[in-house]
Protein backbone atom coordinates (compact mmCIF):
# COMPACT_ATOMS: atom_id res chain seq x y z
CA UNK A 1 -29.70 -28.53 9.51
CA UNK A 2 -28.10 -31.91 8.69
CA UNK A 3 -28.11 -32.97 5.07
CA UNK A 4 -26.75 -35.88 3.10
CA UNK A 5 -23.05 -35.53 2.18
CA UNK A 6 -22.53 -34.48 -1.42
CA UNK A 7 -18.85 -35.36 -1.86
CA UNK A 8 -18.30 -38.25 0.52
CA UNK A 9 -15.46 -36.48 2.34
CA UNK A 10 -17.57 -36.67 5.51
CA UNK A 11 -19.86 -39.43 6.71
CA UNK A 12 -23.52 -38.84 7.50
CA UNK A 13 -22.67 -39.25 11.21
CA UNK A 14 -20.01 -36.53 10.97
CA UNK A 15 -22.44 -34.18 9.25
CA UNK A 16 -25.00 -34.83 11.98
CA UNK A 17 -22.35 -34.19 14.66
CA UNK A 18 -21.44 -30.85 13.10
CA UNK A 19 -25.01 -29.60 13.05
CA UNK A 20 -25.64 -30.86 16.58
CA UNK A 21 -22.46 -29.45 18.19
CA UNK A 22 -21.52 -26.69 15.75
CA UNK A 23 -17.98 -28.06 15.56
CA UNK A 24 -16.24 -31.06 14.03
CA UNK A 25 -12.52 -31.92 13.95
CA UNK A 26 -11.36 -34.17 11.12
CA UNK A 27 -7.82 -35.46 10.41
CA UNK A 28 -6.00 -35.47 7.06
CA UNK A 29 -7.79 -32.46 5.53
CA UNK A 30 -4.77 -31.73 3.30
CA UNK A 31 -2.01 -33.79 1.71
CA UNK A 32 1.48 -34.00 3.27
CA UNK A 33 2.82 -31.95 0.34
CA UNK A 34 0.19 -29.25 0.84
CA UNK A 35 0.96 -29.10 4.56
CA UNK A 36 4.70 -28.81 3.95
CA UNK A 37 4.16 -25.94 1.50
CA UNK A 38 2.01 -24.05 4.02
CA UNK A 39 4.69 -24.48 6.68
CA UNK A 40 7.43 -23.27 4.35
CA UNK A 41 5.52 -20.07 3.63
CA UNK A 42 4.83 -19.53 7.33
CA UNK A 43 8.50 -19.95 8.20
CA UNK A 44 9.42 -17.39 5.54
CA UNK A 45 6.86 -14.87 6.86
CA UNK A 46 8.15 -15.22 10.41
CA UNK A 47 11.69 -14.56 9.19
CA UNK A 48 10.47 -11.55 7.21
CA UNK A 49 8.75 -10.17 10.31
CA UNK A 50 12.12 -9.92 12.11
CA UNK A 51 12.97 -6.94 9.90
CA UNK A 52 9.92 -4.95 11.09
CA UNK A 53 9.06 -3.38 14.43
CA UNK A 54 5.30 -3.26 13.81
CA UNK A 55 2.57 -4.38 11.38
CA UNK A 56 3.83 -4.41 7.79
CA UNK A 57 2.92 -5.13 4.18
CA UNK A 58 -0.27 -3.91 2.53
CA UNK A 59 -3.60 -5.60 1.84
CA UNK A 60 -6.02 -4.43 -0.84
CA UNK A 61 -7.78 -2.03 1.56
CA UNK A 62 -4.51 -0.34 2.54
CA UNK A 63 -4.26 -1.90 6.00
CA UNK A 64 -1.16 -3.97 6.89
CA UNK A 65 -1.27 -7.56 5.66
CA UNK A 66 0.97 -8.81 8.50
CA UNK A 67 0.03 -8.06 12.10
CA UNK A 68 2.37 -8.53 15.07
CA UNK A 69 1.77 -8.77 18.80
CA UNK A 70 2.90 -5.81 20.92
CA UNK A 71 6.44 -6.57 22.08
CA UNK A 72 7.43 -8.14 18.77
CA UNK A 73 11.14 -7.88 17.98
CA UNK A 74 13.77 -9.40 15.71
CA UNK A 75 15.02 -11.51 18.61
CA UNK A 76 11.53 -12.60 19.68
CA UNK A 77 9.20 -12.44 16.67
CA UNK A 78 5.49 -12.35 17.48
CA UNK A 79 3.74 -12.47 14.11
CA UNK A 80 0.07 -13.23 14.80
CA UNK A 81 -1.99 -12.59 11.64
CA UNK A 82 -1.57 -12.78 7.86
CA UNK A 83 -4.58 -11.33 6.08
CA UNK A 84 -5.71 -12.85 2.77
CA UNK A 85 -2.66 -15.13 2.41
CA UNK A 86 -4.16 -16.61 -0.77
CA UNK A 87 -3.19 -13.36 -2.54
CA UNK A 88 0.52 -13.85 -1.84
CA UNK A 89 0.89 -17.64 -1.56
CA UNK A 90 0.20 -20.27 -4.18
CA UNK A 91 0.25 -22.93 -1.45
CA UNK A 92 -2.50 -21.24 0.54
CA UNK A 93 -4.57 -20.65 -2.60
CA UNK A 94 -4.32 -24.33 -3.52
CA UNK A 95 -5.49 -25.48 -0.10
CA UNK A 96 -8.28 -22.89 -0.01
CA UNK A 97 -9.67 -24.05 -3.37
CA UNK A 98 -8.38 -27.54 -4.07
CA UNK A 99 -8.02 -29.56 -0.87
CA UNK A 100 -10.16 -32.25 0.73
CA UNK A 101 -11.02 -29.61 3.33
CA UNK A 102 -13.22 -27.86 0.77
CA UNK A 103 -15.06 -31.09 0.00
CA UNK A 104 -15.81 -31.41 3.72
CA UNK A 105 -17.37 -27.95 3.72
CA UNK A 106 -19.50 -28.88 0.70
CA UNK A 107 -20.79 -31.87 2.64
CA UNK A 108 -22.00 -29.44 5.31
CA UNK A 109 -23.50 -26.52 3.36
CA UNK A 110 -24.35 -28.05 -0.02
CA UNK A 111 -22.78 -28.36 -3.46
CA UNK A 112 -22.36 -24.60 -4.08
CA UNK A 113 -19.61 -23.18 -1.84
CA UNK A 114 -18.59 -19.53 -1.91
CA UNK A 115 -15.38 -18.21 -0.31
CA UNK A 116 -15.75 -15.26 2.04
CA UNK A 117 -12.21 -14.64 3.32
CA UNK A 118 -8.95 -16.24 4.44
CA UNK A 119 -6.34 -15.49 7.08
CA UNK A 120 -3.57 -17.09 9.09
CA UNK A 121 -3.69 -16.80 12.86
CA UNK A 122 -0.50 -17.92 14.54
CA UNK A 123 0.72 -18.01 18.12
CA UNK A 124 4.48 -18.35 18.28
CA UNK A 125 6.04 -19.85 21.43
CA UNK A 126 5.46 -17.58 24.39
CA UNK A 127 3.18 -15.23 22.43
CA UNK A 128 0.75 -13.36 24.64
CA UNK A 129 -2.08 -13.27 22.08
CA UNK A 130 -5.39 -14.43 23.44
CA UNK A 131 -8.75 -14.29 21.70
CA UNK A 132 -11.73 -13.24 23.77
CA UNK A 133 -15.11 -14.94 23.56
CA UNK A 134 -17.10 -14.08 20.45
CA UNK A 135 -19.04 -15.52 17.52
CA UNK A 136 -17.95 -15.01 13.93
CA UNK A 137 -21.37 -14.17 12.51
CA UNK A 138 -21.59 -10.67 14.08
CA UNK A 139 -18.35 -9.87 12.22
CA UNK A 140 -19.61 -11.29 8.91
CA UNK A 141 -23.42 -11.09 8.70
CA UNK A 142 -25.01 -12.90 5.76
CA UNK A 143 -28.53 -13.54 4.54
CA UNK A 144 -28.42 -16.94 6.24
CA UNK A 145 -26.14 -18.70 8.72
CA UNK A 146 -24.89 -21.58 6.56
CA UNK A 147 -21.30 -20.45 6.98
CA UNK A 148 -18.38 -22.61 8.06
CA UNK A 149 -15.05 -21.44 9.40
CA UNK A 150 -12.44 -24.07 8.49
CA UNK A 151 -9.46 -23.83 10.83
CA UNK A 152 -6.68 -25.94 9.35
CA UNK A 153 -4.02 -26.96 11.87
CA UNK A 154 -0.69 -26.20 10.22
CA UNK A 155 0.99 -27.21 13.48
CA UNK A 156 -0.12 -29.79 15.99
CA UNK A 157 -2.58 -28.13 18.35
CA UNK A 158 -2.33 -29.19 22.00
CA UNK A 159 -3.85 -28.12 25.29
CA UNK A 160 -0.69 -26.10 26.00
CA UNK A 161 -0.18 -24.03 22.83
CA UNK A 162 -3.36 -21.97 22.80
CA UNK A 163 -6.03 -24.22 21.25
CA UNK A 164 -9.42 -23.04 20.10
CA UNK A 165 -11.95 -23.29 22.94
CA UNK A 166 -15.61 -23.72 22.01
CA UNK A 167 -18.99 -24.27 23.63
CA UNK A 168 -20.67 -27.12 21.73
CA UNK A 169 -24.27 -26.34 20.81
CA UNK A 170 -23.91 -22.58 21.34
CA UNK A 171 -24.56 -22.03 17.61
CA UNK A 172 -28.19 -22.90 18.31
CA UNK A 173 -28.48 -20.11 20.87
CA UNK A 174 -28.65 -16.32 20.57
CA UNK A 175 -26.37 -14.04 18.59
CA UNK A 176 -24.46 -12.17 21.30
CA UNK A 177 -23.69 -8.50 20.81
CA UNK A 178 -20.08 -7.38 20.43
CA UNK A 179 -21.05 -3.76 21.23
CA UNK A 180 -20.86 -2.51 24.81
CA UNK A 181 -21.32 1.03 26.17
CA UNK A 182 -21.46 2.36 22.62
CA UNK A 183 -18.15 0.78 21.56
CA UNK A 184 -17.53 -2.19 19.28
CA UNK A 185 -15.36 -4.39 21.50
CA UNK A 186 -15.23 -7.46 19.24
CA UNK A 187 -16.01 -9.61 22.27
CA UNK A 188 -18.95 -10.80 24.32
CA UNK A 189 -19.91 -9.16 27.60
CA UNK A 190 -17.72 -10.36 30.48
CA UNK A 191 -20.61 -12.08 32.27
CA UNK A 192 -21.57 -14.02 29.14
CA UNK A 193 -17.91 -14.86 28.53
CA UNK A 194 -17.57 -16.28 32.04
CA UNK A 195 -20.50 -18.58 31.39
CA UNK A 196 -18.97 -19.69 28.10
CA UNK A 197 -15.61 -20.39 29.74
CA UNK A 198 -17.29 -22.64 32.30
CA UNK A 199 -18.67 -24.87 29.52
CA UNK A 200 -15.69 -24.70 27.13
CA UNK A 201 -13.92 -27.63 25.53
CA UNK A 202 -10.63 -27.48 23.60
CA UNK A 203 -10.23 -28.40 19.93
CA UNK A 204 -6.90 -30.19 19.54
CA UNK A 205 -5.43 -32.32 16.76
CA UNK A 206 -2.45 -33.34 14.71
CA UNK A 207 -1.06 -31.08 12.00
CA UNK A 208 -3.18 -31.44 8.86
CA UNK A 209 -6.42 -31.78 10.83
CA UNK A 210 -9.20 -29.26 10.36
CA UNK A 211 -11.66 -27.89 12.87
CA UNK A 212 -14.91 -27.09 11.07
CA UNK A 213 -16.85 -24.50 13.04
CA UNK A 214 -20.33 -23.05 12.55
CA UNK A 215 -20.38 -19.27 12.17
CA UNK A 216 -22.54 -18.82 15.31
CA UNK A 217 -20.47 -21.06 17.58
CA UNK A 218 -19.05 -19.25 20.64
CA UNK A 219 -15.27 -19.56 20.82
CA UNK A 220 -12.08 -18.10 22.26
CA UNK A 221 -8.47 -19.12 22.86
CA UNK A 222 -5.76 -18.59 25.48
CA UNK A 223 -2.11 -17.56 24.95
CA UNK A 224 0.49 -20.08 23.80
CA UNK A 225 2.21 -21.26 26.98
CA UNK A 226 4.40 -23.83 25.28
CA UNK A 227 7.65 -23.89 23.30
CA UNK A 228 5.82 -24.98 20.12
CA UNK A 229 4.02 -22.76 17.58
CA UNK A 230 0.29 -22.96 16.93
CA UNK A 231 -0.59 -21.87 13.41
CA UNK A 232 -4.05 -22.04 11.86
CA UNK A 233 -4.88 -21.37 8.20
CA UNK A 234 -8.46 -20.14 8.39
CA UNK A 235 -10.88 -20.16 5.46
CA UNK A 236 -14.44 -18.91 5.81
CA UNK A 237 -16.94 -20.41 3.37
CA UNK A 238 -20.65 -19.93 2.85
CA UNK A 239 -23.42 -21.76 1.07
CA UNK A 240 -23.92 -20.43 -2.44
CA UNK A 241 -27.21 -18.80 -1.45
CA UNK A 242 -25.73 -17.03 1.62
CA UNK A 243 -25.02 -13.44 0.56
CA UNK A 244 -22.94 -10.99 2.67
CA UNK A 245 -24.75 -8.05 4.25
CA UNK A 246 -21.66 -5.85 4.43
CA UNK A 247 -17.96 -5.55 3.71
CA UNK A 248 -15.56 -8.26 4.80
CA UNK A 249 -13.30 -7.54 7.79
CA UNK A 250 -10.55 -9.21 5.72
CA UNK A 251 -11.06 -7.99 2.14
CA UNK A 252 -9.59 -10.08 -0.67
CA UNK A 253 -9.59 -10.26 -4.43
CA UNK A 254 -10.79 -13.85 -3.95
CA UNK A 255 -13.95 -12.98 -2.01
CA UNK A 256 -16.98 -14.48 -3.74
CA UNK A 257 -14.99 -17.19 -5.53
CA UNK A 258 -17.01 -20.37 -5.96
CA UNK A 259 -14.68 -23.16 -4.89
CA UNK A 260 -17.33 -25.83 -5.42
CA UNK A 261 -20.36 -25.69 -7.68
CA UNK A 262 -21.57 -22.35 -9.04
CA UNK A 263 -23.69 -19.32 -8.20
CA UNK A 264 -27.29 -20.55 -7.80
CA UNK A 265 -28.56 -17.10 -8.78
CA UNK A 266 -30.86 -16.69 -5.80
CA UNK A 267 -30.65 -15.71 -2.12
CA UNK A 268 -31.97 -17.59 0.91
CA UNK A 269 -32.76 -15.40 3.90
CA UNK A 270 -33.21 -16.26 7.57
CA UNK A 271 -34.97 -13.98 10.07
CA UNK A 272 -32.66 -12.58 12.75
CA UNK A 273 -31.72 -9.28 14.37
CA UNK A 274 -28.25 -8.11 15.38
CA UNK A 275 -26.03 -5.04 15.52
CA UNK A 276 -23.86 -4.47 12.47
CA UNK A 277 -20.10 -4.72 13.10
CA UNK A 278 -17.58 -1.91 13.02
CA UNK A 279 -14.89 -2.61 10.40
CA UNK A 280 -11.41 -2.80 11.95
CA UNK A 281 -9.17 0.19 11.33
CA UNK A 282 -6.04 -1.58 12.57
CA UNK A 283 -4.21 -4.54 11.12
CA UNK A 284 -6.68 -7.08 12.54
CA UNK A 285 -9.58 -7.60 14.94
CA UNK A 286 -7.02 -8.30 17.67
CA UNK A 287 -6.53 -4.55 17.98
CA UNK A 288 -10.30 -4.06 18.46
CA UNK A 289 -10.35 -6.55 21.33
CA UNK A 290 -7.23 -5.03 22.90
CA UNK A 291 -8.35 -1.42 22.67
CA UNK A 292 -11.77 -2.00 24.20
CA UNK A 293 -11.07 -4.86 26.60
CA UNK A 294 -13.75 -5.35 29.25
């Protein structure tokens, strides 16, 4: 529910808009220097990916840190995911913990802000990666739903390069199952998805903007059909009294870090029912959606 801003990074009207629509896009969430450092790391990771013909690197759970789209090659790199980049990049750690973006999250969920996980999702020019309709909460259940996914636009996001598509207000509706016919598909049922697509709006913005998204908001994205990359640095934060109900799909040594305030020492619980997720065995949840596409 709306609350008074605690840092002043957002106005009261912006906070109200977030809780009404479940999404809010704000410019200038990082400094020009921070943005340049993120881009430099991304460029280096894309170059590194040219030397690999599949997912590579190793995260703390043994899965690959870097995921690539099928068809990736040295000539046409298709890096699509970097898991827990804060573990291997000082620039990403600084933005995750020390940018204006974090103050914006505190204005939404309160003074105590706990990190859940981070990742980079990128769509290089011509990449075929699409993200099917889903909500984040069924992947990351917590004791309450005061969780915000902050999607920082490292590149300008346009209608052509695979922007996030959302259904405003859907966070106030049901939690949709990602299980179908006994399999965890990572996506909503096709009939529900068709309804979502009908009501979808795109989240676009200049590089350095952030899209703040409620954990229950329905969202998806189409492939990048342009000649420009679309890279998002994604940080998932929760209120200090929102406690995870299971393991993170993107484990990190930084999970649980309080980036604002401190541990309140108590848990706030909301009543809800939902199926627990199936942890991904591949490099990312993209493989879950691909393997069980409906």
